[in-house]
PDB file of N, CA and C in Angstrom:
ATOM      1  N   MET A   1     -28.302  -2.567 -51.882  1.00  0.00           N
ATOM      2  CA  MET A   1     -28.950  -2.508 -50.761  1.00  0.00           C
ATOM      3  C   MET A   1     -27.828  -2.285 -49.016  1.00  0.00           C
ATOM      4  N   ARG A   2     -27.850  -1.985 -48.373  1.00  0.00           N
ATOM      5  CA  ARG A   2     -26.213  -1.410 -47.873  1.00  0.00           C
ATOM      6  C   ARG A   2     -27.529  -1.922 -46.017  1.00  0.00           C
ATOM      7  N   GLU A   3     -25.304  -2.592 -45.741  1.00  0.00           N
ATOM      8  CA  GLU A   3     -25.854  -3.847 -44.693  1.00  0.00           C
ATOM      9  C   GLU A   3     -25.889  -3.599 -43.717  1.00  0.00           C
ATOM     10  N   SER A   4     -26.056  -3.864 -42.247  1.00  0.00           N
ATOM     11  CA  SER A   4     -26.581  -3.871 -40.778  1.00  0.00           C
ATOM     12  C   SER A   4     -25.457  -3.264 -39.952  1.00  0.00           C
ATOM     13  N   LYS A   5     -25.486  -2.835 -40.022  1.00  0.00           N
ATOM     14  CA  LYS A   5     -24.008  -2.244 -38.718  1.00  0.00           C
ATOM     15  C   LYS A   5     -24.384  -3.775 -37.864  1.00  0.00           C
ATOM     16  N   PHE A   6     -25.066  -4.425 -37.284  1.00  0.00           N
ATOM     17  CA  PHE A   6     -24.856  -5.587 -36.775  1.00  0.00           C
ATOM     18  C   PHE A   6     -23.821  -6.697 -37.422  1.00  0.00           C
ATOM     19  N   TYR A   7     -24.549  -6.857 -39.370  1.00  0.00           N
ATOM     20  CA  TYR A   7     -23.644  -7.111 -39.573  1.00  0.00           C
ATOM     21  C   TYR A   7     -22.365  -7.019 -40.495  1.00  0.00           C
ATOM     22  N   GLN A   8     -22.147  -5.430 -39.904  1.00  0.00           N
ATOM     23  CA  GLN A   8     -20.446  -5.269 -39.872  1.00  0.00           C
ATOM     24  C   GLN A   8     -19.683  -5.147 -38.939  1.00  0.00           C
ATOM     25  N   ARG A   9     -20.497  -5.457 -37.610  1.00  0.00           N
ATOM     26  CA  ARG A   9     -19.235  -5.475 -37.361  1.00  0.00           C
ATOM     27  C   ARG A   9     -18.979  -6.936 -36.274  1.00  0.00           C
ATOM     28  N   GLN A  10     -19.866  -7.888 -37.075  1.00  0.00           N
ATOM     29  CA  GLN A  10     -19.316  -9.990 -36.822  1.00  0.00           C
ATOM     30  C   GLN A  10     -18.758  -9.690 -38.151  1.00  0.00           C
ATOM     31  N   MET A  11     -18.350  -8.817 -38.779  1.00  0.00           N
ATOM     32  CA  MET A  11     -17.809  -9.134 -40.571  1.00  0.00           C
ATOM     33  C   MET A  11     -15.676  -8.805 -39.319  1.00  0.00           C
ATOM     34  N   GLU A  12     -16.207  -7.442 -39.663  1.00  0.00           N
ATOM     35  CA  GLU A  12     -15.321  -7.026 -38.521  1.00  0.00           C
ATOM     36  C   GLU A  12     -14.652  -7.686 -37.739  1.00  0.00           C
ATOM     37  N   LYS A  13     -15.655  -8.481 -36.881  1.00  0.00           N
ATOM     38  CA  LYS A  13     -14.832  -9.781 -35.552  1.00  0.00           C
ATOM     39  C   LYS A  13     -13.732 -10.245 -36.201  1.00  0.00           C
ATOM     40  N   ALA A  14     -15.155 -10.699 -37.395  1.00  0.00           N
ATOM     41  CA  ALA A  14     -14.729 -11.937 -37.915  1.00  0.00           C
ATOM     42  C   ALA A  14     -12.706 -11.559 -38.691  1.00  0.00           C
ATOM     43  N   ALA A  15     -12.837 -10.294 -39.511  1.00  0.00           N
ATOM     44  CA  ALA A  15     -11.499 -10.542 -39.959  1.00  0.00           C
ATOM     45  C   ALA A  15     -10.494 -10.130 -38.963  1.00  0.00           C
ATOM     46  N   ARG A  16     -10.855  -9.222 -37.747  1.00  0.00           N
ATOM     47  CA  ARG A  16      -9.581  -9.210 -36.603  1.00  0.00           C
ATOM     48  C   ARG A  16      -9.036 -10.988 -35.890  1.00  0.00           C
ATOM     49  N   GLU A  17     -10.195 -11.468 -35.967  1.00  0.00           N
ATOM     50  CA  GLU A  17     -10.095 -12.967 -35.292  1.00  0.00           C
ATOM     51  C   GLU A  17      -8.839 -13.222 -35.996  1.00  0.00           C
ATOM     52  N   THR A  18      -9.618 -13.654 -37.778  1.00  0.00           N
ATOM     53  CA  THR A  18      -8.640 -14.150 -38.768  1.00  0.00           C
ATOM     54  C   THR A  18      -7.671 -13.258 -38.319  1.00  0.00           C
ATOM     55  N   THR A  19      -7.102 -12.763 -38.843  1.00  0.00           N
ATOM     56  CA  THR A  19      -5.841 -12.042 -38.476  1.00  0.00           C
ATOM     57  C   THR A  19      -5.301 -11.813 -37.153  1.00  0.00           C
ATOM     58  N   LEU A  20      -5.654 -12.059 -36.155  1.00  0.00           N
ATOM     59  CA  LEU A  20      -4.958 -12.096 -34.535  1.00  0.00           C
ATOM     60  C   LEU A  20      -3.963 -14.334 -34.663  1.00  0.00           C
ATOM     61  N   LYS A  21      -5.581 -14.858 -35.392  1.00  0.00           N
ATOM     62  CA  LYS A  21      -4.790 -15.859 -35.393  1.00  0.00           C
ATOM     63  C   LYS A  21      -3.904 -15.986 -36.176  1.00  0.00           C
ATOM     64  N   ASN A  22      -3.785 -15.806 -37.218  1.00  0.00           N
ATOM     65  CA  ASN A  22      -2.643 -15.892 -38.844  1.00  0.00           C
ATOM     66  C   ASN A  22      -1.417 -15.339 -37.967  1.00  0.00           C
ATOM     67  N   THR A  23      -1.108 -14.000 -37.391  1.00  0.00           N
ATOM     68  CA  THR A  23      -0.339 -13.284 -37.494  1.00  0.00           C
ATOM     69  C   THR A  23       0.200 -14.788 -35.661  1.00  0.00           C
ATOM     70  N   LEU A  24      -0.454 -15.406 -35.484  1.00  0.00           N
ATOM     71  CA  LEU A  24       0.057 -16.076 -33.832  1.00  0.00           C
ATOM     72  C   LEU A  24       0.347 -17.149 -34.633  1.00  0.00           C
ATOM     73  N   THR A  25       0.424 -17.616 -35.650  1.00  0.00           N
ATOM     74  CA  THR A  25       0.563 -19.159 -36.767  1.00  0.00           C
ATOM     75  C   THR A  25       2.179 -18.684 -36.767  1.00  0.00           C
ATOM     76  N   VAL A  26       2.377 -17.373 -37.895  1.00  0.00           N
ATOM     77  CA  VAL A  26       2.856 -16.401 -37.980  1.00  0.00           C
ATOM     78  C   VAL A  26       4.406 -16.938 -37.060  1.00  0.00           C
ATOM     79  N   LEU A  27       4.344 -16.126 -35.790  1.00  0.00           N
ATOM     80  CA  LEU A  27       5.269 -15.651 -35.087  1.00  0.00           C
ATOM     81  C   LEU A  27       5.433 -17.589 -34.369  1.00  0.00           C
ATOM     82  N   ASN A  28       4.643 -18.579 -33.920  1.00  0.00           N
ATOM     83  CA  ASN A  28       4.827 -20.125 -33.592  1.00  0.00           C
ATOM     84  C   ASN A  28       5.794 -20.814 -34.616  1.00  0.00           C
ATOM     85  N   ARG A  29       5.565 -20.827 -35.815  1.00  0.00           N
ATOM     86  CA  ARG A  29       6.352 -21.578 -36.190  1.00  0.00           C
ATOM     87  C   ARG A  29       7.939 -20.386 -36.916  1.00  0.00           C
ATOM     88  N   LYS A  30       8.015 -18.773 -35.977  1.00  0.00           N
ATOM     89  CA  LYS A  30       9.915 -18.160 -36.601  1.00  0.00           C
ATOM     90  C   LYS A  30      10.040 -18.776 -35.001  1.00  0.00           C
ATOM     91  N   PHE A  31       9.462 -18.646 -33.543  1.00  0.00           N
ATOM     92  CA  PHE A  31      10.005 -18.715 -32.527  1.00  0.00           C
ATOM     93  C   PHE A  31       9.837 -19.572 -31.267  1.00  0.00           C
ATOM     94  N   PRO A  32      10.136 -19.244 -30.384  1.00  0.00           N
ATOM     95  CA  PRO A  32       9.941 -20.483 -29.149  1.00  0.00           C
ATOM     96  C   PRO A  32       7.957 -20.048 -28.806  1.00  0.00           C
ATOM     97  N   ALA A  33       7.240 -20.964 -28.792  1.00  0.00           N
ATOM     98  CA  ALA A  33       6.009 -21.203 -28.251  1.00  0.00           C
ATOM     99  C   ALA A  33       6.075 -20.461 -27.210  1.00  0.00           C
ATOM    100  N   GLU A  34       6.767 -20.442 -26.316  1.00  0.00           N
ATOM    101  CA  GLU A  34       6.616 -19.485 -24.228  1.00  0.00           C
ATOM    102  C   GLU A  34       6.610 -17.882 -24.394  1.00  0.00           C
ATOM    103  N   ALA A  35       7.985 -18.018 -25.675  1.00  0.00           N
ATOM    104  CA  ALA A  35       7.760 -16.597 -26.265  1.00  0.00           C
ATOM    105  C   ALA A  35       6.761 -16.060 -26.537  1.00  0.00           C
ATOM    106  N   VAL A  36       5.909 -17.058 -28.042  1.00  0.00           N
ATOM    107  CA  VAL A  36       5.280 -16.460 -28.330  1.00  0.00           C
ATOM    108  C   VAL A  36       3.337 -15.937 -27.361  1.00  0.00           C
ATOM    109  N   ASN A  37       3.492 -17.383 -26.889  1.00  0.00           N
ATOM    110  CA  ASN A  37       2.265 -17.178 -25.197  1.00  0.00           C
ATOM    111  C   ASN A  37       1.870 -16.156 -24.458  1.00  0.00           C
ATOM    112  N   ALA A  38       3.141 -15.836 -24.499  1.00  0.00           N
ATOM    113  CA  ALA A  38       3.097 -14.266 -23.190  1.00  0.00           C
ATOM    114  C   ALA A  38       3.295 -13.082 -23.932  1.00  0.00           C
ATOM    115  N   LEU A  39       3.240 -12.924 -24.930  1.00  0.00           N
ATOM    116  CA  LEU A  39       2.911 -11.835 -26.094  1.00  0.00           C
ATOM    117  C   LEU A  39       1.314 -12.128 -26.511  1.00  0.00           C
ATOM    118  N   THR A  40       0.388 -13.111 -26.772  1.00  0.00           N
ATOM    119  CA  THR A  40      -0.521 -13.324 -26.644  1.00  0.00           C
ATOM    120  C   THR A  40      -1.842 -12.960 -26.083  1.00  0.00           C
ATOM    121  N   PRO A  41      -1.363 -12.109 -24.630  1.00  0.00           N
ATOM    122  CA  PRO A  41      -2.458 -11.583 -24.190  1.00  0.00           C
ATOM    123  C   PRO A  41      -2.693 -10.557 -24.537  1.00  0.00           C
ATOM    124  N   GLU A  42      -1.963  -9.738 -25.104  1.00  0.00           N
ATOM    125  CA  GLU A  42      -1.613  -8.143 -25.677  1.00  0.00           C
ATOM    126  C   GLU A  42      -2.239  -7.797 -26.364  1.00  0.00           C
ATOM    127  N   MET A  43      -2.050  -8.013 -26.986  1.00  0.00           N
ATOM    128  CA  MET A  43      -2.629  -8.718 -29.239  1.00  0.00           C
ATOM    129  C   MET A  43      -3.728  -9.320 -28.907  1.00  0.00           C
ATOM    130  N   GLN A  44      -4.490  -9.795 -27.836  1.00  0.00           N
ATOM    131  CA  GLN A  44      -5.853  -9.984 -27.599  1.00  0.00           C
ATOM    132  C   GLN A  44      -6.653  -9.219 -27.532  1.00  0.00           C
ATOM    133  N   ASN A  45      -6.138  -8.163 -27.239  1.00  0.00           N
ATOM    134  CA  ASN A  45      -6.200  -7.328 -26.512  1.00  0.00           C
ATOM    135  C   ASN A  45      -5.987  -5.509 -27.224  1.00  0.00           C
ATOM    136  N   ILE A  46      -6.360  -6.128 -28.697  1.00  0.00           N
ATOM    137  CA  ILE A  46      -6.012  -5.438 -29.452  1.00  0.00           C
ATOM    138  C   ILE A  46      -7.458  -5.061 -30.917  1.00  0.00           C
ATOM    139  N   ASP A  47      -7.793  -4.584 -30.677  1.00  0.00           N
ATOM    140  CA  ASP A  47      -9.285  -3.846 -31.572  1.00  0.00           C
ATOM    141  C   ASP A  47      -8.959  -3.497 -33.036  1.00  0.00           C
ATOM    142  N   ASP A  48      -7.914  -2.575 -32.799  1.00  0.00           N
ATOM    143  CA  ASP A  48      -7.728  -1.731 -34.141  1.00  0.00           C
ATOM    144  C   ASP A  48      -7.858  -3.779 -35.404  1.00  0.00           C
ATOM    145  N   LEU A  49      -8.382  -3.849 -36.227  1.00  0.00           N
ATOM    146  CA  LEU A  49      -8.424  -4.866 -37.057  1.00  0.00           C
ATOM    147  C   LEU A  49      -6.556  -3.924 -37.877  1.00  0.00           C
ATOM    148  N   GLN A  50      -7.109  -2.836 -38.194  1.00  0.00           N
ATOM    149  CA  GLN A  50      -5.569  -2.442 -39.319  1.00  0.00           C
ATOM    150  C   GLN A  50      -4.621  -2.665 -38.452  1.00  0.00           C
ATOM    151  N   ARG A  51      -4.151  -2.152 -37.443  1.00  0.00           N
ATOM    152  CA  ARG A  51      -3.657  -2.269 -36.213  1.00  0.00           C
ATOM    153  C   ARG A  51      -2.662  -3.975 -36.616  1.00  0.00           C
ATOM    154  N   LEU A  52      -3.418  -5.192 -36.402  1.00  0.00           N
ATOM    155  CA  LEU A  52      -3.547  -6.024 -36.599  1.00  0.00           C
ATOM    156  C   LEU A  52      -2.986  -6.494 -38.095  1.00  0.00           C
ATOM    157  N   GLU A  53      -4.022  -5.864 -38.535  1.00  0.00           N
ATOM    158  CA  GLU A  53      -2.291  -6.319 -40.353  1.00  0.00           C
ATOM    159  C   GLU A  53      -1.204  -5.584 -40.649  1.00  0.00           C
ATOM    160  N   GLN A  54      -1.398  -4.374 -39.627  1.00  0.00           N
ATOM    161  CA  GLN A  54       0.078  -4.156 -39.811  1.00  0.00           C
ATOM    162  C   GLN A  54       1.367  -5.417 -38.323  1.00  0.00           C
ATOM    163  N   LEU A  55       0.377  -5.425 -37.178  1.00  0.00           N
ATOM    164  CA  LEU A  55       1.246  -6.619 -36.876  1.00  0.00           C
ATOM    165  C   LEU A  55       1.396  -7.932 -37.478  1.00  0.00           C
ATOM    166  N   LEU A  56       0.769  -9.114 -38.436  1.00  0.00           N
ATOM    167  CA  LEU A  56       0.525  -9.849 -39.114  1.00  0.00           C
ATOM    168  C   LEU A  56       1.765  -9.255 -40.160  1.00  0.00           C
ATOM    169  N   ILE A  57       2.411  -8.751 -40.805  1.00  0.00           N
ATOM    170  CA  ILE A  57       3.215  -8.191 -41.647  1.00  0.00           C
ATOM    171  C   ILE A  57       4.535  -8.284 -40.950  1.00  0.00           C
ATOM    172  N   ALA A  58       4.690  -7.546 -39.421  1.00  0.00           N
ATOM    173  CA  ALA A  58       6.123  -6.892 -39.058  1.00  0.00           C
ATOM    174  C   ALA A  58       6.720  -8.233 -39.156  1.00  0.00           C
ATOM    175  N   ALA A  59       5.158  -9.515 -37.880  1.00  0.00           N
ATOM    176  CA  ALA A  59       5.365 -11.038 -37.762  1.00  0.00           C
ATOM    177  C   ALA A  59       6.229 -11.677 -38.299  1.00  0.00           C
ATOM    178  N   ALA A  60       6.010 -11.375 -39.970  1.00  0.00           N
ATOM    179  CA  ALA A  60       6.298 -12.241 -41.275  1.00  0.00           C
ATOM    180  C   ALA A  60       8.369 -11.311 -41.624  1.00  0.00           C
ATOM    181  N   GLU A  61       8.133 -10.130 -41.796  1.00  0.00           N
ATOM    182  CA  GLU A  61       9.145 -10.699 -41.066  1.00  0.00           C
ATOM    183  C   GLU A  61      10.338 -10.324 -40.428  1.00  0.00           C
ATOM    184  N   ALA A  62      10.260  -9.702 -39.109  1.00  0.00           N
ATOM    185  CA  ALA A  62      10.745  -9.482 -38.093  1.00  0.00           C
ATOM    186  C   ALA A  62      11.952 -10.793 -37.821  1.00  0.00           C
ATOM    187  N   ARG A  63      13.363 -10.567 -38.144  1.00  0.00           N
ATOM    188  CA  ARG A  63      14.273 -11.545 -38.241  1.00  0.00           C
ATOM    189  C   ARG A  63      13.922 -12.031 -36.644  1.00  0.00           C
ATOM    190  N   ASN A  64      14.232 -11.536 -36.112  1.00  0.00           N
ATOM    191  CA  ASN A  64      13.897 -12.157 -33.918  1.00  0.00           C
ATOM    192  C   ASN A  64      12.242 -11.789 -33.611  1.00  0.00           C
ATOM    193  N   LEU A  65      12.602 -11.689 -31.818  1.00  0.00           N
ATOM    194  CA  LEU A  65      11.055 -11.946 -31.379  1.00  0.00           C
ATOM    195  C   LEU A  65      11.245 -10.592 -30.662  1.00  0.00           C
ATOM    196  N   ASP A  66      12.353  -9.860 -30.630  1.00  0.00           N
ATOM    197  CA  ASP A  66      12.381  -8.545 -29.828  1.00  0.00           C
ATOM    198  C   ASP A  66      12.173  -7.417 -30.922  1.00  0.00           C
ATOM    199  N   THR A  67      12.832  -7.964 -31.751  1.00  0.00           N
ATOM    200  CA  THR A  67      11.509  -6.743 -33.185  1.00  0.00           C
ATOM    201  C   THR A  67      10.172  -6.907 -32.823  1.00  0.00           C
ATOM    202  N   PHE A  68      10.256  -7.527 -33.198  1.00  0.00           N
ATOM    203  CA  PHE A  68       8.053  -8.151 -33.373  1.00  0.00           C
ATOM    204  C   PHE A  68       7.601  -7.224 -32.152  1.00  0.00           C
ATOM    205  N   THR A  69       8.360  -7.779 -31.105  1.00  0.00           N
ATOM    206  CA  THR A  69       8.191  -7.286 -30.065  1.00  0.00           C
ATOM    207  C   THR A  69       7.838  -5.329 -29.547  1.00  0.00           C
ATOM    208  N   GLN A  70       9.098  -4.622 -30.304  1.00  0.00           N
ATOM    209  CA  GLN A  70       9.241  -3.409 -29.934  1.00  0.00           C
ATOM    210  C   GLN A  70       7.888  -2.933 -30.747  1.00  0.00           C
ATOM    211  N   MET A  71       7.307  -3.756 -31.763  1.00  0.00           N
ATOM    212  CA  MET A  71       6.494  -2.715 -33.354  1.00  0.00           C
ATOM    213  C   MET A  71       5.136  -3.201 -32.343  1.00  0.00           C
ATOM    214  N   LEU A  72       5.231  -4.307 -30.957  1.00  0.00           N
ATOM    215  CA  LEU A  72       3.790  -4.325 -30.765  1.00  0.00           C
ATOM    216  C   LEU A  72       3.632  -3.610 -29.561  1.00  0.00           C
ATOM    217  N   HIS A  73       4.529  -2.648 -28.992  1.00  0.00           N
ATOM    218  CA  HIS A  73       4.972  -1.644 -28.004  1.00  0.00           C
ATOM    219  C   HIS A  73       4.185   0.296 -28.741  1.00  0.00           C
ATOM    220  N   GLU A  74       4.895  -0.427 -29.588  1.00  0.00           N
ATOM    221  CA  GLU A  74       4.643   1.140 -30.478  1.00  0.00           C
ATOM    222  C   GLU A  74       2.871   1.300 -30.854  1.00  0.00           C
ATOM    223  N   SER A  75       2.838   2.806 -30.608  1.00  0.00           N
ATOM    224  CA  SER A  75       1.626   3.144 -30.551  1.00  0.00           C
ATOM    225  C   SER A  75       1.203   3.696 -32.103  1.00  0.00           C
TER     226      SER A  75
END
């Protein structure tokens, strides 16, 4: 049975929110909260789940917040 468009949108929204939360958790564990808080609104505006997944990996691998910020600003 095919899933409804509404269900698909809700699942993608939940995945997006979870990925964003996980990314922010990783960043907050590695870097000062004030600096991460400054990036949070920009990250919350990203609707593309694949982009957020890439940022989650970047957050885990980043040695410093500048490296992550550069990735965030890349298109």
